Amino acid sequence: QVQLVESGGGLVQAGGSLRLSCAASGRTFSSLRMGWFRQAPGKEREFVAAISRRAYSTYYADSVKGRFTISRDNAKNTVYLQMNSLKPEDTAVYYCAADGRGVITDSWSDAYWGQGTQVTVSS
């Protein structure tokens, strides 16, 4: 079992920045592929960003490319999502995900999930 706890959400004005954190436990962190997803009201959960186990690769949704950066600190068992130039359409609950898959673009169908953290961007 992997436990994931997100933090860092909040209310920010358009153009502002936030950094989300996700602390993982229950499994060797460096064996986990990590990702961020989000779900806006009335919409399906969507992929945001992913990072490979050793941080050799990252992958982003087109909607956040160039504005968001995913990173990880394997010594702290934590993955981060730095969000810059935030837009009202970035408003959503952001979820951390983890699994042991080796290919960064693989399905997340059997991933572990955190409880989510709310991000609200005002215009």
C-alpha atoms as a PDB file:
ATOM      1  CA  GLN A   1       0.000   0.000   0.000  1.00  0.00           C
ATOM      2  CA  VAL A   2       1.101   3.539  -0.755  1.00  0.00           C
ATOM      3  CA  GLN A   3      -0.227   6.515   1.174  1.00  0.00           C
ATOM      4  CA  LEU A   4      -0.198   9.926  -0.479  1.00  0.00           C
ATOM      5  CA  VAL A   5      -0.861  13.245   1.223  1.00  0.00           C
ATOM      6  CA  GLU A   6      -1.129  16.422  -0.820  1.00  0.00           C
ATOM      7  CA  SER A   7      -0.654  19.947   0.489  1.00  0.00           C
ATOM      8  CA  GLY A   8      -0.116  23.467  -0.778  1.00  0.00           C
ATOM      9  CA  GLY A   9      -3.434  24.256  -2.392  1.00  0.00           C
ATOM     10  CA  GLY A  10      -5.256  27.521  -1.852  1.00  0.00           C
ATOM     11  CA  LEU A  11      -6.717  30.638  -3.395  1.00  0.00           C
ATOM     12  CA  VAL A  12      -4.572  32.699  -5.755  1.00  0.00           C
ATOM     13  CA  GLN A  13      -5.178  35.453  -8.275  1.00  0.00           C
ATOM     14  CA  ALA A  14      -4.758  34.845 -11.972  1.00  0.00           C
ATOM     15  CA  GLY A  15      -1.114  35.135 -12.928  1.00  0.00           C
ATOM     16  CA  GLY A  16       0.032  33.969  -9.520  1.00  0.00           C
ATOM     17  CA  SER A  17       1.902  30.871  -8.428  1.00  0.00           C
ATOM     18  CA  LEU A  18       1.443  27.935  -6.093  1.00  0.00           C
ATOM     19  CA  ARG A  19       3.536  24.918  -5.252  1.00  0.00           C
ATOM     20  CA  LEU A  20       1.826  21.665  -4.435  1.00  0.00           C
ATOM     21  CA  SER A  21       3.534  18.908  -2.486  1.00  0.00           C
ATOM     22  CA  CYS A  22       2.711  15.230  -2.166  1.00  0.00           C
ATOM     23  CA  ALA A  23       4.341  13.147   0.535  1.00  0.00           C
ATOM     24  CA  ALA A  24       4.423   9.405  -0.067  1.00  0.00           C
ATOM     25  CA  SER A  25       4.875   6.524   2.343  1.00  0.00           C
ATOM     26  CA  GLY A  26       4.477   2.777   2.403  1.00  0.00           C
ATOM     27  CA  ARG A  27       6.850   1.898  -0.404  1.00  0.00           C
ATOM     28  CA  THR A  28      10.341   2.838  -1.541  1.00  0.00           C
ATOM     29  CA  PHE A  29       9.740   6.236  -3.108  1.00  0.00           C
ATOM     30  CA  SER A  30      12.334   5.842  -5.833  1.00  0.00           C
ATOM     31  CA  SER A  31      10.424   2.807  -7.122  1.00  0.00           C
ATOM     32  CA  LEU A  32       7.322   4.907  -7.814  1.00  0.00           C
ATOM     33  CA  ARG A  33       6.289   6.766 -10.914  1.00  0.00           C
ATOM     34  CA  MET A  34       4.546   9.921  -9.687  1.00  0.00           C
ATOM     35  CA  GLY A  35       1.902  12.060 -11.289  1.00  0.00           C
ATOM     36  CA  TRP A  36      -0.508  14.922 -10.782  1.00  0.00           C
ATOM     37  CA  PHE A  37      -4.079  14.980 -11.976  1.00  0.00           C
ATOM     38  CA  ARG A  38      -6.900  17.468 -11.499  1.00  0.00           C
ATOM     39  CA  GLN A  39     -10.661  17.483 -11.509  1.00  0.00           C
ATOM     40  CA  ALA A  40     -12.739  20.611 -12.023  1.00  0.00           C
ATOM     41  CA  PRO A  41     -16.411  20.760 -10.998  1.00  0.00           C
ATOM     42  CA  GLY A  42     -18.571  18.848 -13.449  1.00  0.00           C
ATOM     43  CA  LYS A  43     -15.592  17.512 -15.363  1.00  0.00           C
ATOM     44  CA  GLU A  44     -13.660  14.271 -15.448  1.00  0.00           C
ATOM     45  CA  ARG A  45     -10.320  13.890 -13.794  1.00  0.00           C
ATOM     46  CA  GLU A  46      -7.542  14.820 -16.205  1.00  0.00           C
ATOM     47  CA  PHE A  47      -3.828  14.226 -16.369  1.00  0.00           C
ATOM     48  CA  VAL A  48      -1.553  17.160 -15.557  1.00  0.00           C
ATOM     49  CA  ALA A  49       2.034  15.949 -15.256  1.00  0.00           C
ATOM     50  CA  ALA A  50       4.167  12.904 -14.517  1.00  0.00           C
ATOM     51  CA  ILE A  51       7.730  12.184 -13.521  1.00  0.00           C
ATOM     52  CA  SER A  52       9.669   8.960 -13.804  1.00  0.00           C
ATOM     53  CA  ARG A  53      11.070   7.062 -10.854  1.00  0.00           C
ATOM     54  CA  ARG A  54      14.536   8.575 -11.003  1.00  0.00           C
ATOM     55  CA  ALA A  55      13.348  11.914 -12.440  1.00  0.00           C
ATOM     56  CA  TYR A  56      14.980  11.203 -15.790  1.00  0.00           C
ATOM     57  CA  SER A  57      11.752  11.998 -17.632  1.00  0.00           C
ATOM     58  CA  THR A  58       8.804  14.341 -17.233  1.00  0.00           C
ATOM     59  CA  TYR A  59       5.603  14.591 -19.208  1.00  0.00           C
ATOM     60  CA  TYR A  60       2.949  17.311 -19.261  1.00  0.00           C
ATOM     61  CA  ALA A  61      -0.528  17.946 -20.537  1.00  0.00           C
ATOM     62  CA  ASP A  62      -0.523  20.507 -23.325  1.00  0.00           C
ATOM     63  CA  SER A  63      -2.701  22.812 -21.230  1.00  0.00           C
ATOM     64  CA  VAL A  64       0.021  23.276 -18.580  1.00  0.00           C
ATOM     65  CA  LYS A  65       3.202  22.902 -20.607  1.00  0.00           C
ATOM     66  CA  GLY A  66       5.524  25.826 -20.025  1.00  0.00           C
ATOM     67  CA  ARG A  67       3.654  26.954 -16.891  1.00  0.00           C
ATOM     68  CA  PHE A  68       3.836  23.949 -14.544  1.00  0.00           C
ATOM     69  CA  THR A  69       6.905  22.000 -13.461  1.00  0.00           C
ATOM     70  CA  ILE A  70       6.882  18.612 -11.783  1.00  0.00           C
ATOM     71  CA  SER A  71       9.851  17.571  -9.677  1.00  0.00           C
ATOM     72  CA  ARG A  72      10.689  15.080  -6.960  1.00  0.00           C
ATOM     73  CA  ASP A  73      13.002  14.732  -4.005  1.00  0.00           C
ATOM     74  CA  ASN A  74      13.624  11.045  -3.430  1.00  0.00           C
ATOM     75  CA  ALA A  75      15.388  11.785  -0.155  1.00  0.00           C
ATOM     76  CA  LYS A  76      12.217  13.461   1.173  1.00  0.00           C
ATOM     77  CA  ASN A  77       9.741  11.035  -0.434  1.00  0.00           C
ATOM     78  CA  THR A  78       7.995  14.018  -1.952  1.00  0.00           C
ATOM     79  CA  VAL A  79       6.842  15.113  -5.384  1.00  0.00           C
ATOM     80  CA  TYR A  80       6.121  18.733  -6.208  1.00  0.00           C
ATOM     81  CA  LEU A  81       4.088  20.637  -8.745  1.00  0.00           C
ATOM     82  CA  GLN A  82       5.205  24.219  -9.260  1.00  0.00           C
ATOM     83  CA  MET A  83       2.376  26.119 -10.916  1.00  0.00           C
ATOM     84  CA  ASN A  84       3.111  29.509 -12.446  1.00  0.00           C
ATOM     85  CA  SER A  85       1.026  31.910 -14.529  1.00  0.00           C
ATOM     86  CA  LEU A  86      -2.121  30.380 -13.113  1.00  0.00           C
ATOM     87  CA  LYS A  87      -5.395  30.853 -14.961  1.00  0.00           C
ATOM     88  CA  PRO A  88      -8.991  30.597 -13.733  1.00  0.00           C
ATOM     89  CA  GLU A  89      -9.334  27.433 -15.805  1.00  0.00           C
ATOM     90  CA  ASP A  90      -6.678  25.807 -13.609  1.00  0.00           C
ATOM     91  CA  THR A  91      -9.199  25.815 -10.749  1.00  0.00           C
ATOM     92  CA  ALA A  92      -9.690  22.216  -9.644  1.00  0.00           C
ATOM     93  CA  VAL A  93      -8.968  19.657  -6.992  1.00  0.00           C
ATOM     94  CA  TYR A  94      -5.433  18.417  -7.626  1.00  0.00           C
ATOM     95  CA  TYR A  95      -4.603  14.794  -6.924  1.00  0.00           C
ATOM     96  CA  CYS A  96      -1.300  13.042  -6.540  1.00  0.00           C
ATOM     97  CA  ALA A  97      -0.935   9.552  -8.042  1.00  0.00           C
ATOM     98  CA  ALA A  98       1.706   6.864  -7.739  1.00  0.00           C
ATOM     99  CA  ASP A  99       2.456   3.477  -9.216  1.00  0.00           C
ATOM    100  CA  GLY A 100       5.382   1.275 -10.073  1.00  0.00           C
ATOM    101  CA  ARG A 101       5.201   1.460 -13.856  1.00  0.00           C
ATOM    102  CA  GLY A 102       8.384   2.200 -15.706  1.00  0.00           C
ATOM    103  CA  VAL A 103       7.001   3.966 -18.773  1.00  0.00           C
ATOM    104  CA  ILE A 104       6.014   7.538 -18.040  1.00  0.00           C
ATOM    105  CA  THR A 105       3.096   7.551 -20.480  1.00  0.00           C
ATOM    106  CA  ASP A 106       1.576   4.260 -19.306  1.00  0.00           C
ATOM    107  CA  SER A 107      -1.982   4.046 -18.006  1.00  0.00           C
ATOM    108  CA  TRP A 108      -2.667   5.062 -14.385  1.00  0.00           C
ATOM    109  CA  SER A 109      -5.446   2.524 -14.026  1.00  0.00           C
ATOM    110  CA  ASP A 110      -3.931   0.792 -11.000  1.00  0.00           C
ATOM    111  CA  ALA A 111      -2.370   3.813  -9.327  1.00  0.00           C
ATOM    112  CA  TYR A 112      -2.654   4.855  -5.711  1.00  0.00           C
ATOM    113  CA  TRP A 113      -4.338   8.228  -5.158  1.00  0.00           C
ATOM    114  CA  GLY A 114      -4.215  10.964  -2.578  1.00  0.00           C
ATOM    115  CA  GLN A 115      -7.234  12.780  -1.178  1.00  0.00           C
ATOM    116  CA  GLY A 116      -6.648  15.914  -3.207  1.00  0.00           C
ATOM    117  CA  THR A 117      -6.006  19.581  -2.517  1.00  0.00           C
ATOM    118  CA  GLN A 118      -8.159  22.443  -3.774  1.00  0.00           C
ATOM    119  CA  VAL A 119      -6.656  25.089  -6.038  1.00  0.00           C
ATOM    120  CA  THR A 120      -8.804  28.108  -6.824  1.00  0.00           C
ATOM    121  CA  VAL A 121      -7.654  30.794  -9.236  1.00  0.00           C
ATOM    122  CA  SER A 122      -9.644  34.016  -9.203  1.00  0.00           C
ATOM    123  CA  SER A 123      -9.877  36.299 -12.211  1.00  0.00           C
END
